[in-house]
Protein backbone atom coordinates (compact mmCIF):
# COMPACT_ATOMS: atom_id res chain seq x y z
CA MET A 1 159.06 85.49 146.85
CA SER A 2 159.32 88.46 144.52
CA LEU A 3 159.22 87.56 140.85
CA THR A 4 160.08 90.99 139.51
CA SER A 5 160.67 94.50 140.72
CA GLY A 6 157.05 95.26 139.88
CA ASP A 7 155.53 92.78 142.34
CA ARG A 8 153.92 94.09 145.50
CA PRO A 9 156.29 93.31 148.42
CA SER A 10 153.38 92.48 150.73
CA SER A 11 151.69 89.99 148.36
CA SER A 12 151.95 86.28 149.03
CA PRO A 13 153.88 83.98 146.67
CA ALA A 14 150.58 82.52 145.46
CA ALA A 15 149.22 85.98 144.73
CA GLN A 16 152.41 86.93 142.92
CA MET A 17 152.14 83.80 140.77
CA LYS A 18 148.53 84.60 139.88
CA ASP A 19 149.41 88.21 139.07
CA LEU A 20 152.21 87.05 136.78
CA SER A 21 150.02 84.45 135.05
CA ASP A 22 147.18 86.93 134.59
CA ARG A 23 149.50 89.53 133.05
CA ILE A 24 151.09 87.08 130.60
CA ASP A 25 147.76 85.45 129.75
CA ALA A 26 146.36 88.87 128.88
CA VAL A 27 149.22 89.55 126.45
CA ILE A 28 148.84 86.17 124.74
CA ASP A 29 145.04 86.31 124.61
CA THR A 30 145.08 89.84 123.17
CA ALA A 31 147.62 88.92 120.47
CA LEU A 32 145.52 85.89 119.50
CA ALA A 33 142.25 87.86 119.52
CA GLN A 34 143.80 90.60 117.38
CA GLN A 35 145.11 87.91 115.00
CA ARG A 36 148.68 89.14 115.29
CA VAL A 37 149.76 85.68 116.48
CA VAL A 38 148.35 82.29 115.41
CA GLY A 39 149.91 80.25 118.21
CA ALA A 40 152.54 80.54 120.92
CA VAL A 41 154.48 78.63 123.56
CA VAL A 42 155.69 80.80 126.44
CA LEU A 43 157.92 79.57 129.27
CA VAL A 44 159.16 81.62 132.23
CA ALA A 45 161.67 80.36 134.80
CA LYS A 46 162.58 82.20 138.01
CA ASN A 47 165.67 81.07 139.91
CA GLY A 48 165.53 77.68 138.25
CA GLU A 49 161.80 77.05 138.79
CA THR A 50 159.36 77.16 135.87
CA VAL A 51 156.75 79.63 137.12
CA TYR A 52 154.76 79.99 133.88
CA SER A 53 154.16 77.59 131.00
CA ARG A 54 151.47 77.92 128.38
CA ALA A 55 150.79 76.72 124.84
CA ALA A 56 147.98 78.66 123.16
CA GLY A 57 146.38 78.99 119.75
CA PHE A 58 147.16 76.82 116.75
CA ALA A 59 150.30 75.13 115.48
CA ASP A 60 148.41 74.71 112.19
CA ARG A 61 145.26 76.80 111.96
CA GLU A 62 143.96 75.27 108.74
CA ALA A 63 144.35 71.73 110.08
CA ASN A 64 142.84 72.78 113.44
CA GLN A 65 146.01 71.49 115.16
CA PRO A 66 146.44 73.10 118.57
CA MET A 67 149.74 74.43 119.86
CA THR A 68 151.23 72.21 122.57
CA PRO A 69 154.32 72.42 124.80
CA GLU A 70 155.86 69.73 122.56
CA THR A 71 155.37 71.66 119.31
CA LEU A 72 158.51 72.04 117.20
CA PHE A 73 159.45 75.26 115.42
CA ARG A 74 161.75 76.40 112.66
CA LEU A 75 164.23 78.29 114.83
CA SER A 76 165.73 80.81 112.39
CA SER A 77 168.27 82.90 114.37
CA VAL A 78 167.57 81.05 117.62
CA SER A 79 169.92 78.51 115.99
CA LYS A 80 172.80 80.87 116.80
CA VAL A 81 172.55 80.01 120.50
CA TYR A 82 173.29 76.34 119.83
CA ALA A 83 176.10 76.94 117.32
CA SER A 84 177.73 79.56 119.55
CA VAL A 85 177.60 77.35 122.66
CA ALA A 86 179.06 74.45 120.63
CA ALA A 87 181.95 76.67 119.52
CA MET A 88 182.60 77.83 123.08
CA ALA A 89 182.59 74.22 124.27
CA LEU A 90 185.34 73.53 121.72
CA VAL A 91 187.26 76.53 123.04
CA GLY A 92 187.06 74.92 126.47
CA GLN A 93 188.40 71.68 125.05
CA GLY A 94 191.31 73.47 123.38
CA ARG A 95 190.12 72.57 119.87
CA LEU A 96 189.31 76.20 119.03
CA ALA A 97 190.90 79.41 120.30
CA LEU A 98 188.98 82.68 120.43
CA ASP A 99 191.78 84.87 119.10
CA ALA A 100 193.22 82.42 116.59
CA PRO A 101 192.71 83.14 112.88
CA VAL A 102 189.91 81.25 111.18
CA THR A 103 192.42 80.20 108.51
CA ASN A 104 193.92 77.75 111.02
CA TRP A 105 190.86 75.60 110.23
CA LEU A 106 189.59 77.16 106.98
CA PRO A 107 192.76 78.04 105.05
CA ASP A 108 190.86 79.30 102.01
CA PHE A 109 188.56 81.65 103.91
CA ARG A 110 190.30 84.93 103.09
CA PRO A 111 187.79 87.63 102.11
CA THR A 112 189.46 90.92 101.33
CA SER A 113 188.96 94.22 103.13
CA PRO A 114 187.58 97.16 101.11
CA ASP A 115 191.13 98.28 100.27
CA GLY A 116 191.97 94.84 98.85
CA SER A 117 194.12 93.73 101.76
CA VAL A 118 193.60 90.47 103.64
CA SER A 119 193.39 90.57 107.44
CA ASP A 120 192.91 87.76 109.89
CA ILE A 121 189.35 87.01 110.92
CA THR A 122 189.34 85.31 114.31
CA VAL A 123 186.94 82.95 116.02
CA ARG A 124 186.02 85.83 118.35
CA HIS A 125 185.17 87.99 115.34
CA LEU A 126 182.73 85.34 114.10
CA LEU A 127 181.04 84.83 117.47
CA SER A 128 180.68 88.58 118.10
CA HIS A 129 179.69 89.45 114.51
CA MET A 130 182.76 91.67 114.24
CA ALA A 131 184.05 89.89 111.15
CA ASP A 132 182.39 92.53 108.93
CA LEU A 133 180.58 89.93 106.87
CA ASN A 134 176.96 90.56 105.88
CA TYR A 135 173.58 88.94 105.27
CA GLY A 136 171.90 88.90 101.90
CA PHE A 137 168.62 90.01 103.48
CA LEU A 138 170.30 93.23 104.62
CA GLU A 139 171.20 94.11 101.03
CA PRO A 140 169.11 95.25 98.07
CA ALA A 141 168.06 92.55 95.61
CA ASP A 142 171.15 93.15 93.45
CA GLY A 143 173.57 93.21 96.39
CA PRO A 144 176.94 91.43 96.28
CA TYR A 145 175.83 88.42 98.35
CA HIS A 146 172.93 87.80 95.97
CA ARG A 147 175.23 88.19 92.98
CA ALA A 148 177.58 85.62 94.52
CA GLY A 149 174.72 83.16 95.06
CA VAL A 150 175.05 83.18 98.86
CA SER A 151 172.22 81.61 100.87
CA ASP A 152 171.10 83.16 104.16
CA GLY A 153 170.14 79.73 105.48
CA MET A 154 166.34 80.02 105.37
CA ASP A 155 165.68 79.53 101.65
CA ILE A 156 165.89 76.51 99.37
CA ALA A 157 169.40 76.55 97.93
CA ASN A 158 171.24 73.79 96.11
CA VAL A 159 174.48 74.45 97.96
CA THR A 160 176.59 72.70 100.59
CA LEU A 161 177.82 74.43 103.73
CA GLU A 162 181.37 74.38 102.38
CA GLU A 163 180.30 75.89 99.05
CA ASN A 164 178.21 78.59 100.72
CA VAL A 165 181.17 79.60 102.89
CA ARG A 166 183.39 79.63 99.79
CA ARG A 167 180.94 82.03 98.11
CA ILE A 168 180.86 84.26 101.19
CA ALA A 169 184.65 84.55 100.98
CA THR A 170 184.44 85.88 97.42
CA VAL A 171 182.63 89.03 98.56
CA PRO A 172 184.76 91.86 100.00
CA LEU A 173 184.23 92.68 103.68
CA LEU A 174 182.35 95.82 104.69
CA PHE A 175 185.32 96.99 106.77
CA ALA A 176 188.50 95.47 108.16
CA PRO A 177 187.76 92.69 110.70
CA GLY A 178 187.20 93.94 114.23
CA MET A 179 186.57 97.54 113.18
CA SER A 180 182.77 97.51 113.32
CA TRP A 181 179.77 95.35 114.15
CA ASN A 182 177.45 93.90 111.53
CA TYR A 183 174.89 91.14 111.98
CA SER A 184 175.87 88.52 109.45
CA LEU A 185 176.41 85.00 108.20
CA ALA A 186 179.35 84.73 110.59
CA THR A 187 177.59 81.94 112.50
CA ASP A 188 177.29 79.91 109.29
CA VAL A 189 181.04 80.25 108.80
CA LEU A 190 181.39 79.24 112.44
CA GLY A 191 179.42 76.09 111.62
CA LEU A 192 182.00 74.98 109.07
CA LEU A 193 184.73 75.83 111.57
CA ILE A 194 183.05 73.53 114.09
CA GLU A 195 182.96 70.76 111.49
CA ARG A 196 186.68 71.14 110.79
CA ALA A 197 187.61 71.30 114.47
CA THR A 198 185.63 68.17 115.38
CA GLY A 199 185.79 66.14 112.17
CA LEU A 200 182.01 65.71 112.47
CA PRO A 201 179.04 66.99 110.48
CA LEU A 202 177.70 70.09 112.18
CA ALA A 203 174.50 68.33 113.24
CA ASP A 204 176.48 65.62 115.02
CA ALA A 205 178.84 68.12 116.62
CA VAL A 206 176.02 70.26 118.05
CA ARG A 207 174.22 67.17 119.29
CA THR A 208 177.36 65.89 121.01
CA LEU A 209 178.48 69.21 122.47
CA VAL A 210 175.14 70.79 123.45
CA MET A 211 172.16 68.44 123.32
CA GLU A 212 173.45 65.18 124.78
CA PRO A 213 175.02 66.67 127.95
CA LEU A 214 171.55 68.02 128.84
CA GLY A 215 169.62 64.97 127.66
CA LEU A 216 167.75 66.94 124.97
CA THR A 217 166.36 65.22 121.88
CA ASP A 218 163.96 67.65 120.18
CA THR A 219 166.39 70.10 118.60
CA GLY A 220 168.67 69.67 115.60
CA PHE A 221 169.02 70.29 111.89
CA THR A 222 166.30 67.77 111.00
CA ILE A 223 162.76 67.38 112.33
CA ALA A 224 162.50 65.07 115.33
CA ASP A 225 158.81 64.42 114.52
CA PRO A 226 157.16 66.03 111.45
CA ASN A 227 153.71 65.73 113.06
CA ARG A 228 154.82 68.13 115.80
CA LEU A 229 156.14 70.88 113.50
CA ALA A 230 154.29 74.20 113.54
CA THR A 231 153.57 75.79 110.22
CA GLY A 232 154.63 79.36 109.58
CA TYR A 233 152.43 82.42 109.12
CA VAL A 234 153.15 85.95 108.01
CA ASP A 235 151.21 89.19 108.40
CA ASP A 236 148.99 90.01 105.45
CA GLY A 237 147.33 93.34 106.08
CA GLY A 238 146.56 92.64 109.71
CA THR A 239 145.65 88.96 109.48
CA PRO A 240 148.30 86.23 109.42
CA ARG A 241 148.25 83.99 106.37
CA ARG A 242 150.00 80.71 105.86
CA MET A 243 153.44 81.19 104.34
CA ALA A 244 153.92 80.24 100.72
CA ASP A 245 156.65 77.84 99.62
CA LEU A 246 158.92 80.85 99.15
CA GLU A 247 158.25 84.13 100.90
CA PHE A 248 159.92 87.51 100.47
CA ILE A 249 159.28 89.32 103.74
CA PRO A 250 160.18 93.03 103.84
CA LEU A 251 162.00 94.50 106.81
CA PRO A 252 160.67 98.07 107.15
CA PHE A 253 163.10 98.85 109.98
CA ILE A 254 166.12 98.25 107.70
CA GLU A 255 166.36 100.85 104.94
CA GLY A 256 167.32 99.52 101.50
CA SER A 257 166.89 95.86 102.46
CA GLU A 258 165.33 93.41 100.04
CA GLY A 259 164.02 91.49 103.02
CA LEU A 260 164.01 87.85 104.06
CA ARG A 261 163.79 84.91 101.72
CA MET A 262 162.09 82.16 103.71
CA SER A 263 160.94 78.69 102.68
CA LEU A 264 158.86 76.41 104.89
CA ALA A 265 159.93 73.51 102.67
CA ARG A 266 163.57 73.88 103.73
CA ALA A 267 162.81 72.02 106.95
CA PHE A 268 161.91 68.93 104.91
CA ASP A 269 164.83 69.17 102.47
CA GLU A 270 167.36 66.48 103.39
CA ASN A 271 169.95 68.22 101.21
CA ALA A 272 169.60 71.66 102.83
CA TYR A 273 172.97 72.73 104.18
CA PRO A 274 173.18 72.97 108.00
CA SER A 275 172.97 76.69 108.67
CA GLY A 276 174.36 77.40 112.14
CA GLY A 277 172.79 80.84 111.99
CA ALA A 278 169.26 79.96 110.92
CA GLY A 279 168.70 76.31 110.01
CA MET A 280 167.74 74.43 113.16
CA ILE A 281 164.38 73.06 114.32
CA GLY A 282 163.44 72.55 117.94
CA SER A 283 161.22 73.07 120.95
CA ALA A 284 160.81 75.88 123.45
CA GLY A 285 161.58 73.47 126.29
CA ASP A 286 164.96 72.54 124.84
CA LEU A 287 165.97 76.19 124.52
CA LEU A 288 164.88 76.90 128.09
CA ALA A 289 167.09 74.03 129.29
CA VAL A 290 170.13 75.39 127.43
CA LEU A 291 169.58 78.97 128.60
CA GLU A 292 169.07 77.84 132.19
CA ALA A 293 172.34 75.90 132.07
CA LEU A 294 174.06 79.10 130.94
CA ARG A 295 172.30 81.27 133.53
CA LYS A 296 173.44 78.93 136.30
CA GLY A 297 177.08 79.26 135.23
CA GLY A 298 177.46 77.07 132.14
CA ALA A 299 177.78 73.50 133.46
CA PRO A 300 177.71 70.90 132.03
CA LEU A 301 178.24 72.72 128.71
CA LEU A 302 180.77 75.42 129.56
CA SER A 303 183.05 76.50 132.36
CA THR A 304 182.26 79.66 134.31
CA SER A 305 185.04 81.52 132.51
CA GLN A 306 183.70 80.54 129.10
CA LEU A 307 180.23 81.68 130.10
CA GLU A 308 181.66 84.99 131.33
CA ALA A 309 183.33 85.48 127.95
CA MET A 310 180.02 84.84 126.16
CA VAL A 311 178.14 87.45 128.19
CA THR A 312 180.84 90.15 128.02
CA ASP A 313 180.06 92.97 125.61
CA GLN A 314 182.53 92.74 122.72
CA THR A 315 181.31 95.97 121.10
CA PRO A 316 181.81 98.82 123.61
CA GLY A 317 181.06 102.25 122.22
CA MET A 318 179.34 100.87 119.12
CA ASP A 319 175.69 101.42 118.22
CA LEU A 320 174.04 98.15 117.26
CA LEU A 321 171.11 98.79 114.98
CA PRO A 322 168.38 97.67 115.21
CA TRP A 323 169.13 97.01 118.91
CA PRO A 324 169.60 100.40 120.62
CA GLY A 325 171.03 100.23 124.13
CA ARG A 326 172.51 96.77 123.57
CA GLY A 327 175.97 95.43 122.86
CA PHE A 328 176.92 92.01 121.55
CA GLY A 329 178.66 89.21 123.38
CA LEU A 330 179.75 85.91 121.87
CA GLY A 331 176.48 84.76 120.34
CA PHE A 332 173.77 87.17 121.49
CA THR A 333 173.03 90.75 122.56
CA VAL A 334 173.89 92.07 126.03
CA LEU A 335 171.90 94.94 127.55
CA ARG A 336 173.92 98.09 128.29
CA ASP A 337 171.30 100.78 128.74
CA PRO A 338 167.70 99.86 129.67
CA VAL A 339 166.49 103.39 128.94
CA ALA A 340 167.92 103.44 125.42
CA ALA A 341 166.59 99.93 124.85
CA ASN A 342 163.20 100.88 126.33
CA SER A 343 163.30 97.69 128.37
CA PRO A 344 162.65 96.80 132.03
CA GLU A 345 165.41 94.16 131.94
CA ALA A 346 168.42 94.68 134.18
CA VAL A 347 171.79 95.74 132.78
CA GLY A 348 173.62 92.66 131.54
CA ALA A 349 170.53 90.77 130.34
CA TRP A 350 171.03 88.65 127.22
CA ARG A 351 168.49 88.56 124.40
CA MET A 352 167.96 87.36 120.84
CA GLY A 353 165.16 86.04 118.66
CA GLY A 354 164.29 84.63 115.28
CA ALA A 355 162.48 85.75 112.13
CA TYR A 356 159.94 82.91 112.25
CA GLY A 357 158.50 84.68 115.30
CA HIS A 358 160.62 83.87 118.35
CA SER A 359 162.19 85.76 121.24
CA TRP A 360 164.11 84.85 124.37
CA PHE A 361 165.96 86.61 127.14
CA VAL A 362 167.93 85.85 130.27
CA ASP A 363 168.11 88.42 133.08
CA PRO A 364 170.71 87.02 135.51
CA ALA A 365 170.27 89.85 138.01
CA ASN A 366 166.61 88.92 138.45
CA GLY A 367 167.07 85.16 137.99
CA LEU A 368 164.77 85.20 134.96
CA THR A 369 164.84 83.06 131.83
CA VAL A 370 162.08 83.54 129.25
CA VAL A 371 161.38 81.70 125.98
CA ALA A 372 158.54 82.79 123.69
CA PHE A 373 158.09 80.86 120.44
CA THR A 374 155.32 81.80 118.00
CA ASN A 375 154.55 80.84 114.42
CA ALA A 376 153.88 84.43 113.35
CA GLY A 377 156.79 85.67 111.25
CA LEU A 378 158.27 88.94 112.57
CA GLU A 379 155.37 89.69 114.98
CA GLY A 380 156.94 87.36 117.52
CA GLN A 381 160.43 88.77 116.94
CA SER A 382 162.03 91.91 118.31
CA PRO A 383 162.62 94.09 116.41
CA GLY A 384 159.70 93.56 114.10
CA GLY A 385 156.68 92.86 116.28
CA ARG A 386 154.89 94.07 119.39
CA PHE A 387 154.50 90.69 121.06
CA PRO A 388 157.99 90.34 122.64
CA ASP A 389 157.93 93.83 124.14
CA GLU A 390 154.41 93.40 125.49
CA LEU A 391 155.38 90.06 127.01
CA THR A 392 158.50 91.52 128.64
CA ARG A 393 156.54 94.37 130.21
CA ALA A 394 153.95 91.89 131.52
CA ILE A 395 156.63 89.73 133.13
CA TYR A 396 158.16 92.71 134.94
CA GLY A 397 154.75 93.98 135.98
């Protein structure tokens, strides 16, 4: 059995397994020894079989609490997988339509284009981030989203989902919908759309559409077990320190950005609005189960045609910064050019991550699904940290 293109053809399956484990262990051990990562859970599946599973380091260093496979994490943008799959499930049920205007469900959501006109934003635009909305963390501190009081979904904000979406609609779009790609709060708008289409709170809708069909119980918008929640750390001159109640984390790879506003306390705030783009909490094992269902064709969550729509690049000819060589499907990036992306993944691989220190990818051509959750803000995310790229290279040998 060959795990990756880098394995020696003549080696036995047992030797291949040991080579893979040794390579991944070396990446994890080095990151821990260099204090770039405090703790990590890494899972690798090949053709449906989990071939690597390790929890290492600390979930809470100060409390001497070890990382375990059952540790829960603040998911940040990993949340987008769950919200996007829920929306696609509703498309399959006929309760949403990809090319229907959002105003069919949110009649007041009518942000203007730069010229003052109003154009239809569709469900497809939201899923592909072609709605030309924005994120506050991509703006300077006095940017229009901040002036409008918009939350990015990771801070403490006294706002409901409906009110946050209303505020988003007061800010003019960057361009006309469908004209360009911009990573944005589109998935938060999608969350309210899901609520309107189902008549359920977003947490209940995602649980019904995504979690229950797979028998998953760890992931949602509240903490399944507070004692299992990893704390968050952020780089402080080469050594991770425990995050403060409110952190402003700069993004050096995005010029002019104020950076992220992140609050560990949000996970415990019962009144925090359910951010489909950044607000969920869950385990690495749950994400692996969802991604594996998608890799195998979508069942029992989606039909094959819905899955094919999700993994089709919606942004041909567009440069997606900060993801060179990648396009965007309906919920996550899709690899176009491995050389431009500096990645050993095969063309068509899907990938995303999260600012609390997470990365994942699915390489259908090689039958690979990989989930890597850390509690080291940005270091475990790509772009932002070395850990995801080092891990990917180790997996491919």
